[in-house]
C-alpha atoms as a PDB file:
ATOM      1  CA  UNK A   1      29.213  24.365 -11.118  1.00  0.00           C
ATOM      2  CA  UNK A   2      25.663  23.734  -9.834  1.00  0.00           C
ATOM      3  CA  UNK A   3      26.782  20.413  -8.360  1.00  0.00           C
ATOM      4  CA  UNK A   4      29.731  22.089  -6.576  1.00  0.00           C
ATOM      5  CA  UNK A   5      27.430  24.756  -5.044  1.00  0.00           C
ATOM      6  CA  UNK A   6      24.862  22.163  -3.902  1.00  0.00           C
ATOM      7  CA  UNK A   7      27.707  20.235  -2.221  1.00  0.00           C
ATOM      8  CA  UNK A   8      28.861  23.412  -0.524  1.00  0.00           C
ATOM      9  CA  UNK A   9      25.338  24.010   0.826  1.00  0.00           C
ATOM     10  CA  UNK A  10      25.102  20.407   1.983  1.00  0.00           C
ATOM     11  CA  UNK A  11      28.411  20.585   3.937  1.00  0.00           C
ATOM     12  CA  UNK A  12      27.806  24.003   5.486  1.00  0.00           C
ATOM     13  CA  UNK A  13      27.377  24.152   9.276  1.00  0.00           C
ATOM     14  CA  UNK A  14      24.238  26.130  10.033  1.00  0.00           C
ATOM     15  CA  UNK A  15      24.723  27.503  13.550  1.00  0.00           C
ATOM     16  CA  UNK A  16      21.915  28.812  15.705  1.00  0.00           C
ATOM     17  CA  UNK A  17      23.619  31.296  18.031  1.00  0.00           C
ATOM     18  CA  UNK A  18      21.281  31.153  21.072  1.00  0.00           C
ATOM     19  CA  UNK A  19      21.088  28.360  22.088  1.00  0.00           C
ATOM     20  CA  UNK A  20      24.370  27.415  20.421  1.00  0.00           C
ATOM     21  CA  UNK A  21      23.731  24.377  18.237  1.00  0.00           C
ATOM     22  CA  UNK A  22      24.769  23.280  14.822  1.00  0.00           C
ATOM     23  CA  UNK A  23      22.271  22.121  12.194  1.00  0.00           C
ATOM     24  CA  UNK A  24      23.311  19.801   9.386  1.00  0.00           C
ATOM     25  CA  UNK A  25      21.266  19.031   6.311  1.00  0.00           C
ATOM     26  CA  UNK A  26      20.042  15.436   6.240  1.00  0.00           C
ATOM     27  CA  UNK A  27      20.282  15.022   9.989  1.00  0.00           C
ATOM     28  CA  UNK A  28      17.768  15.120  12.812  1.00  0.00           C
ATOM     29  CA  UNK A  29      18.473  17.453  15.718  1.00  0.00           C
ATOM     30  CA  UNK A  30      16.929  16.382  19.026  1.00  0.00           C
ATOM     31  CA  UNK A  31      18.316  19.439  20.894  1.00  0.00           C
ATOM     32  CA  UNK A  32      16.700  21.725  18.335  1.00  0.00           C
ATOM     33  CA  UNK A  33      13.441  19.806  18.615  1.00  0.00           C
ATOM     34  CA  UNK A  34      13.530  20.227  22.439  1.00  0.00           C
ATOM     35  CA  UNK A  35      14.194  23.937  22.096  1.00  0.00           C
ATOM     36  CA  UNK A  36      11.370  24.329  19.548  1.00  0.00           C
ATOM     37  CA  UNK A  37       9.010  22.585  21.952  1.00  0.00           C
ATOM     38  CA  UNK A  38       9.983  25.000  24.716  1.00  0.00           C
ATOM     39  CA  UNK A  39       9.160  27.992  22.532  1.00  0.00           C
ATOM     40  CA  UNK A  40       5.954  26.427  21.183  1.00  0.00           C
ATOM     41  CA  UNK A  41       7.025  25.885  17.546  1.00  0.00           C
ATOM     42  CA  UNK A  42       7.332  22.906  15.211  1.00  0.00           C
ATOM     43  CA  UNK A  43       8.618  24.295  11.946  1.00  0.00           C
ATOM     44  CA  UNK A  44      11.681  26.387  11.083  1.00  0.00           C
ATOM     45  CA  UNK A  45      13.755  27.677   8.244  1.00  0.00           C
ATOM     46  CA  UNK A  46      17.285  29.052   8.009  1.00  0.00           C
ATOM     47  CA  UNK A  47      17.332  31.954   5.583  1.00  0.00           C
ATOM     48  CA  UNK A  48      19.911  34.516   4.626  1.00  0.00           C
ATOM     49  CA  UNK A  49      19.905  37.571   2.384  1.00  0.00           C
ATOM     50  CA  UNK A  50      23.703  37.509   1.979  1.00  0.00           C
ATOM     51  CA  UNK A  51      25.358  37.071  -1.422  1.00  0.00           C
ATOM     52  CA  UNK A  52      22.305  36.729  -3.648  1.00  0.00           C
ATOM     53  CA  UNK A  53      22.554  33.729  -5.979  1.00  0.00           C
ATOM     54  CA  UNK A  54      25.842  32.858  -4.214  1.00  0.00           C
ATOM     55  CA  UNK A  55      27.641  35.742  -5.817  1.00  0.00           C
ATOM     56  CA  UNK A  56      30.091  37.739  -3.687  1.00  0.00           C
ATOM     57  CA  UNK A  57      28.349  40.982  -2.677  1.00  0.00           C
ATOM     58  CA  UNK A  58      29.830  43.927  -0.725  1.00  0.00           C
ATOM     59  CA  UNK A  59      29.212  43.743   3.037  1.00  0.00           C
ATOM     60  CA  UNK A  60      27.287  46.999   3.120  1.00  0.00           C
ATOM     61  CA  UNK A  61      24.799  45.611   0.571  1.00  0.00           C
ATOM     62  CA  UNK A  62      24.588  42.288   2.465  1.00  0.00           C
ATOM     63  CA  UNK A  63      23.897  44.072   5.750  1.00  0.00           C
ATOM     64  CA  UNK A  64      21.078  46.127   4.161  1.00  0.00           C
ATOM     65  CA  UNK A  65      19.546  43.067   2.570  1.00  0.00           C
ATOM     66  CA  UNK A  66      19.738  41.142   5.896  1.00  0.00           C
ATOM     67  CA  UNK A  67      17.958  44.007   7.651  1.00  0.00           C
ATOM     68  CA  UNK A  68      15.195  43.863   5.011  1.00  0.00           C
ATOM     69  CA  UNK A  69      14.918  40.073   5.469  1.00  0.00           C
ATOM     70  CA  UNK A  70      14.646  40.515   9.237  1.00  0.00           C
ATOM     71  CA  UNK A  71      11.793  43.048   8.668  1.00  0.00           C
ATOM     72  CA  UNK A  72      10.080  40.703   6.190  1.00  0.00           C
ATOM     73  CA  UNK A  73      10.187  37.871   8.769  1.00  0.00           C
ATOM     74  CA  UNK A  74       8.683  39.929  11.599  1.00  0.00           C
ATOM     75  CA  UNK A  75       5.398  37.996  11.740  1.00  0.00           C
ATOM     76  CA  UNK A  76       7.509  35.010  12.978  1.00  0.00           C
ATOM     77  CA  UNK A  77       9.926  34.444  15.862  1.00  0.00           C
ATOM     78  CA  UNK A  78      13.434  35.053  14.490  1.00  0.00           C
ATOM     79  CA  UNK A  79      16.761  34.125  15.974  1.00  0.00           C
ATOM     80  CA  UNK A  80      20.324  34.956  14.813  1.00  0.00           C
ATOM     81  CA  UNK A  81      22.213  32.201  13.006  1.00  0.00           C
ATOM     82  CA  UNK A  82      25.122  31.835  10.709  1.00  0.00           C
ATOM     83  CA  UNK A  83      26.080  29.674   7.727  1.00  0.00           C
ATOM     84  CA  UNK A  84      29.676  28.590   8.397  1.00  0.00           C
ATOM     85  CA  UNK A  85      32.123  26.882   6.089  1.00  0.00           C
ATOM     86  CA  UNK A  86      32.993  23.289   6.876  1.00  0.00           C
ATOM     87  CA  UNK A  87      36.549  22.512   7.933  1.00  0.00           C
ATOM     88  CA  UNK A  88      38.938  23.068   5.026  1.00  0.00           C
ATOM     89  CA  UNK A  89      36.554  25.232   3.020  1.00  0.00           C
ATOM     90  CA  UNK A  90      37.558  28.797   2.174  1.00  0.00           C
ATOM     91  CA  UNK A  91      34.657  31.242   2.315  1.00  0.00           C
ATOM     92  CA  UNK A  92      33.342  33.787   4.819  1.00  0.00           C
ATOM     93  CA  UNK A  93      30.510  32.844   7.177  1.00  0.00           C
ATOM     94  CA  UNK A  94      27.187  34.487   6.350  1.00  0.00           C
ATOM     95  CA  UNK A  95      24.694  35.975   8.752  1.00  0.00           C
ATOM     96  CA  UNK A  96      21.387  34.119   8.705  1.00  0.00           C
ATOM     97  CA  UNK A  97      18.118  33.942  10.544  1.00  0.00           C
ATOM     98  CA  UNK A  98      16.427  30.921  12.024  1.00  0.00           C
ATOM     99  CA  UNK A  99      12.758  31.665  11.475  1.00  0.00           C
ATOM    100  CA  UNK A 100      10.327  29.593  13.533  1.00  0.00           C
ATOM    101  CA  UNK A 101       6.709  28.830  12.759  1.00  0.00           C
ATOM    102  CA  UNK A 102       7.157  29.601   9.049  1.00  0.00           C
ATOM    103  CA  UNK A 103       5.535  27.276   6.447  1.00  0.00           C
ATOM    104  CA  UNK A 104       7.580  25.698   3.722  1.00  0.00           C
ATOM    105  CA  UNK A 105       5.830  27.867   1.133  1.00  0.00           C
ATOM    106  CA  UNK A 106       6.447  31.121   3.006  1.00  0.00           C
ATOM    107  CA  UNK A 107      10.080  30.216   3.652  1.00  0.00           C
ATOM    108  CA  UNK A 108      10.566  29.533  -0.053  1.00  0.00           C
ATOM    109  CA  UNK A 109       8.899  32.853  -0.902  1.00  0.00           C
ATOM    110  CA  UNK A 110      11.503  34.611   1.246  1.00  0.00           C
ATOM    111  CA  UNK A 111      14.212  32.579  -0.467  1.00  0.00           C
ATOM    112  CA  UNK A 112      12.981  33.763  -3.877  1.00  0.00           C
ATOM    113  CA  UNK A 113      12.412  37.379  -2.751  1.00  0.00           C
ATOM    114  CA  UNK A 114      15.955  37.689  -1.430  1.00  0.00           C
ATOM    115  CA  UNK A 115      17.436  35.891  -4.489  1.00  0.00           C
ATOM    116  CA  UNK A 116      18.836  32.921  -2.650  1.00  0.00           C
ATOM    117  CA  UNK A 117      19.541  29.641  -4.415  1.00  0.00           C
ATOM    118  CA  UNK A 118      18.457  27.578  -1.436  1.00  0.00           C
ATOM    119  CA  UNK A 119      17.335  27.556   2.176  1.00  0.00           C
ATOM    120  CA  UNK A 120      17.349  24.977   4.961  1.00  0.00           C
ATOM    121  CA  UNK A 121      13.979  23.871   6.215  1.00  0.00           C
ATOM    122  CA  UNK A 122      12.878  21.547   8.992  1.00  0.00           C
ATOM    123  CA  UNK A 123      10.099  20.275  11.152  1.00  0.00           C
ATOM    124  CA  UNK A 124      10.396  18.854  14.679  1.00  0.00           C
ATOM    125  CA  UNK A 125      11.269  15.154  14.505  1.00  0.00           C
ATOM    126  CA  UNK A 126      12.426  15.277  10.900  1.00  0.00           C
ATOM    127  CA  UNK A 127      15.785  15.741   9.216  1.00  0.00           C
ATOM    128  CA  UNK A 128      16.826  19.202   8.065  1.00  0.00           C
ATOM    129  CA  UNK A 129      16.253  19.621   4.309  1.00  0.00           C
ATOM    130  CA  UNK A 130      17.910  21.711   1.581  1.00  0.00           C
ATOM    131  CA  UNK A 131      15.241  23.384  -0.494  1.00  0.00           C
ATOM    132  CA  UNK A 132      16.583  24.678  -3.862  1.00  0.00           C
ATOM    133  CA  UNK A 133      14.727  27.582  -5.360  1.00  0.00           C
ATOM    134  CA  UNK A 134      13.153  27.201  -8.795  1.00  0.00           C
ATOM    135  CA  UNK A 135      14.780  30.593  -9.507  1.00  0.00           C
ATOM    136  CA  UNK A 136      18.282  29.446  -8.553  1.00  0.00           C
ATOM    137  CA  UNK A 137      21.110  30.982 -10.569  1.00  0.00           C
ATOM    138  CA  UNK A 138      24.433  29.240  -9.949  1.00  0.00           C
ATOM    139  CA  UNK A 139      27.499  31.326 -10.817  1.00  0.00           C
ATOM    140  CA  UNK A 140      29.667  29.734 -13.505  1.00  0.00           C
ATOM    141  CA  UNK A 141      32.818  29.859 -11.375  1.00  0.00           C
ATOM    142  CA  UNK A 142      31.181  28.931  -8.073  1.00  0.00           C
ATOM    143  CA  UNK A 143      31.761  32.353  -6.418  1.00  0.00           C
END
């Protein structure tokens, strides 16, 4: 099931809401780079607190965890984002944060703290990367 979950992460559309643009793992994003330059940043991470270890979690718990993540990311600039299923996939979009200025190590620390299997990380001029947590716990049935 780990392979299926990794494929799901790789095909997810990661949408920054303002400005509206879609981030794809393995691709460069010139519009994102231009926006980052305007706000004076070079590094970013897409992080969520929804559905720890990719296990369905009640919305109330997800909203509380997302608020805690937002608070934990306060030293950085944060912007609303969403992880959206690719066409033909059947799962509910998840609220996320695009955190700018965050180092790879700090982004992974938030990933681990909020029990996420992976995050998306990038630097201006480079392709977006999927970073899998060393603590990842993939559910046996993929949900």
